[in-house]
Protein backbone atom coordinates (compact mmCIF):
# COMPACT_ATOMS: atom_id res chain seq x y z
CA MET A 1 7.29 -39.06 0.79
CA LYS A 2 4.30 -40.59 1.02
CA LYS A 3 0.79 -38.20 1.26
CA GLU A 4 0.85 -38.17 4.97
CA GLN A 5 4.00 -37.18 4.97
CA ILE A 6 3.60 -34.46 2.94
CA LEU A 7 0.59 -33.18 4.46
CA THR A 8 1.99 -33.26 8.03
CA VAL A 9 4.65 -31.19 6.64
CA LEU A 10 2.59 -28.71 4.97
CA ALA A 11 0.45 -28.33 8.06
CA LEU A 12 3.78 -27.87 10.09
CA SER A 13 4.98 -25.66 8.09
CA LEU A 14 1.21 -23.36 7.86
CA ALA A 15 1.30 -23.69 11.79
CA LEU A 16 4.89 -22.13 12.11
CA VAL A 17 3.61 -19.15 9.14
CA ALA A 18 0.99 -18.60 11.65
CA LEU A 19 2.52 -18.22 14.75
CA ILE A 20 5.38 -15.92 12.85
CA ASP A 21 3.55 -12.58 13.66
CA CYS A 22 4.80 -10.76 10.33
CA THR A 23 1.62 -7.98 10.79
CA GLY A 24 3.82 -5.69 12.64
CA THR A 25 1.93 -2.26 14.82
CA ARG A 26 -0.07 -0.46 12.89
CA PRO A 27 2.01 2.88 12.43
CA ASN A 28 0.37 6.34 14.17
CA ASN A 29 2.07 9.18 12.21
CA LEU A 30 0.15 8.60 8.94
CA GLY A 31 -1.95 11.18 7.31
CA ILE A 32 -2.12 14.67 5.80
CA ARG A 33 0.69 16.76 7.52
CA SER A 34 1.10 20.35 6.43
CA GLY A 35 -0.67 19.13 3.08
CA LYS A 36 2.11 16.03 2.21
CA LEU A 37 1.80 12.27 3.34
CA VAL A 38 5.04 11.92 5.86
CA ASP A 39 8.28 11.22 4.25
CA CYS A 40 9.28 7.14 3.46
CA PRO A 41 12.08 5.48 5.44
CA SER A 42 15.87 5.39 4.35
CA THR A 43 14.60 1.17 3.23
CA PRO A 44 14.13 0.48 -0.37
CA ASN A 45 10.92 -0.76 0.36
CA CYS A 46 8.18 2.55 0.25
CA ILE A 47 7.07 4.75 -2.58
CA ARG A 48 5.63 8.41 -2.38
CA SER A 49 4.44 10.83 -4.45
CA PHE A 50 6.17 13.62 -2.25
CA SER A 51 9.51 12.48 -2.58
CA ASP A 52 12.61 14.22 -4.23
CA VAL A 53 12.51 14.16 -7.74
CA SER A 54 15.84 13.02 -7.65
CA ASP A 55 15.14 10.26 -5.04
CA LYS A 56 14.59 7.29 -8.02
CA GLU A 57 13.85 4.82 -4.86
CA HIS A 58 11.17 6.16 -3.48
CA PHE A 59 9.63 9.21 -6.02
CA ARG A 60 6.71 8.42 -8.50
CA GLN A 61 4.73 11.48 -9.85
CA ALA A 62 1.20 12.00 -8.58
CA GLU A 63 -1.47 11.11 -11.05
CA PRO A 64 -3.83 14.31 -12.27
CA TYR A 65 -7.41 13.53 -11.45
CA LYS A 66 -10.43 15.26 -13.31
CA LYS A 67 -13.76 14.23 -11.62
CA PRO A 68 -14.59 15.73 -8.57
CA THR A 69 -13.14 14.73 -5.46
CA PRO A 70 -15.69 11.88 -4.08
CA GLU A 71 -16.12 10.37 -7.79
CA ALA A 72 -12.35 10.25 -8.46
CA MET A 73 -12.45 8.61 -4.57
CA ALA A 74 -15.05 6.02 -5.67
CA VAL A 75 -13.38 5.09 -8.57
CA LEU A 76 -9.89 4.65 -6.96
CA LYS A 77 -11.82 2.09 -3.75
CA GLN A 78 -13.79 0.16 -6.72
CA ARG A 79 -9.96 -0.69 -7.85
CA ILE A 80 -8.69 -1.32 -4.25
CA ALA A 81 -11.79 -3.67 -4.42
CA GLU A 82 -10.44 -5.68 -6.95
CA TYR A 83 -7.19 -6.46 -4.97
CA PRO A 84 -7.33 -9.49 -2.66
CA ARG A 85 -6.41 -9.03 1.07
CA THR A 86 -7.41 -5.86 1.38
CA LYS A 87 -8.72 -3.52 4.48
CA ILE A 88 -9.65 0.18 4.08
CA ILE A 89 -8.70 1.49 7.68
CA LYS A 90 -9.36 4.92 7.49
CA GLU A 91 -11.92 7.66 4.55
CA GLU A 92 -12.22 10.75 5.03
CA ASN A 93 -13.18 13.42 2.04
CA ASN A 94 -9.78 13.34 0.48
CA TYR A 95 -7.57 10.70 2.13
CA LEU A 96 -8.40 7.04 2.16
CA TYR A 97 -5.46 4.24 4.37
CA VAL A 98 -5.86 0.68 3.16
CA GLU A 99 -3.62 -1.64 4.29
CA PHE A 100 -2.66 -4.75 2.03
CA THR A 101 -1.45 -8.30 3.41
CA THR A 102 0.83 -10.51 1.44
CA LEU A 103 -0.69 -14.05 1.21
CA ILE A 104 2.04 -15.99 2.09
CA MET A 105 4.22 -14.24 5.21
CA ARG A 106 1.12 -12.09 5.52
CA TYR A 107 3.08 -9.33 5.92
CA VAL A 108 1.14 -5.64 6.05
CA ASP A 109 1.84 -2.71 4.01
CA ASP A 110 0.20 0.62 4.78
CA VAL A 111 -0.96 3.12 1.63
CA GLU A 112 -2.14 5.64 1.56
CA PHE A 113 -4.07 8.22 -1.14
CA TYR A 114 -4.60 11.88 -0.87
CA PHE A 115 -6.76 13.92 -3.33
CA ASP A 116 -5.17 17.34 -3.58
CA GLU A 117 -8.18 19.51 -4.69
CA LYS A 118 -5.86 22.58 -5.46
CA THR A 119 -3.39 21.05 -7.47
CA LYS A 120 -6.12 18.58 -8.66
CA LEU A 121 -3.05 15.69 -7.75
CA LEU A 122 -4.12 12.08 -6.40
CA HIS A 123 -0.96 11.77 -4.06
CA PHE A 124 0.23 8.69 -2.42
CA ARG A 125 2.89 7.03 -0.28
CA SER A 126 3.08 2.75 -0.27
CA ALA A 127 5.36 1.32 2.50
CA SER A 128 5.96 -1.73 3.86
CA ARG A 129 5.75 -2.39 8.32
CA LEU A 130 8.06 -4.28 8.51
CA GLY A 131 11.71 -5.33 6.39
CA LYS A 132 14.02 -3.76 4.37
CA SER A 133 13.33 -4.61 0.98
CA ASP A 134 10.17 -5.92 -0.40
CA LEU A 135 11.34 -6.63 -3.79
CA GLY A 136 9.65 -3.69 -5.10
CA LEU A 137 6.55 -4.51 -4.19
CA ASN A 138 4.92 -1.40 -2.97
CA ARG A 139 5.91 0.53 -6.06
CA LYS A 140 4.41 -2.70 -8.58
CA ARG A 141 1.06 -1.91 -6.46
CA ILE A 142 0.51 0.96 -6.79
CA GLU A 143 1.55 1.14 -10.88
CA THR A 144 -0.81 -1.58 -11.06
CA LEU A 145 -3.17 0.47 -9.19
CA LEU A 146 -3.26 3.67 -11.45
CA LYS A 147 -2.31 2.54 -14.43
CA ASP A 148 -5.04 3.46 -17.05
CA ILE A 149 -7.00 4.98 -14.15
CA GLU A 150 -9.80 7.28 -15.32
CA ILE A 151 -10.63 9.68 -12.14
């Protein structure tokens, strides 16, 4: 293929991706409900610290934190800021809601963090808005965000 043909195919491909709406609709049921974050859907594209321990697909243990909540949240926000294509949607005293967008298809994942001040545990929920499988991306993201974090 000639360079002009390659550029044409690339431009058309990018236009097609731009036309496909992979962002989905922002959920309106997120947040802290009765001291917990909402359940994961039955699909494997979600991870949540409040899931049942026997649910290997969705469960991951919450992280303990030692710093005062504002300081711990600042550390987490700094770690989030190091990720590309993130947007903080909501921030409260002990709650953070962030959207993560994938590079190519522009899929949006909704990620929540809840600093439980009674138990000193950082809880989280990370879920894809669309589709069924995320190839483990939500779990990998949480693992990376919380790896070696000193909060």
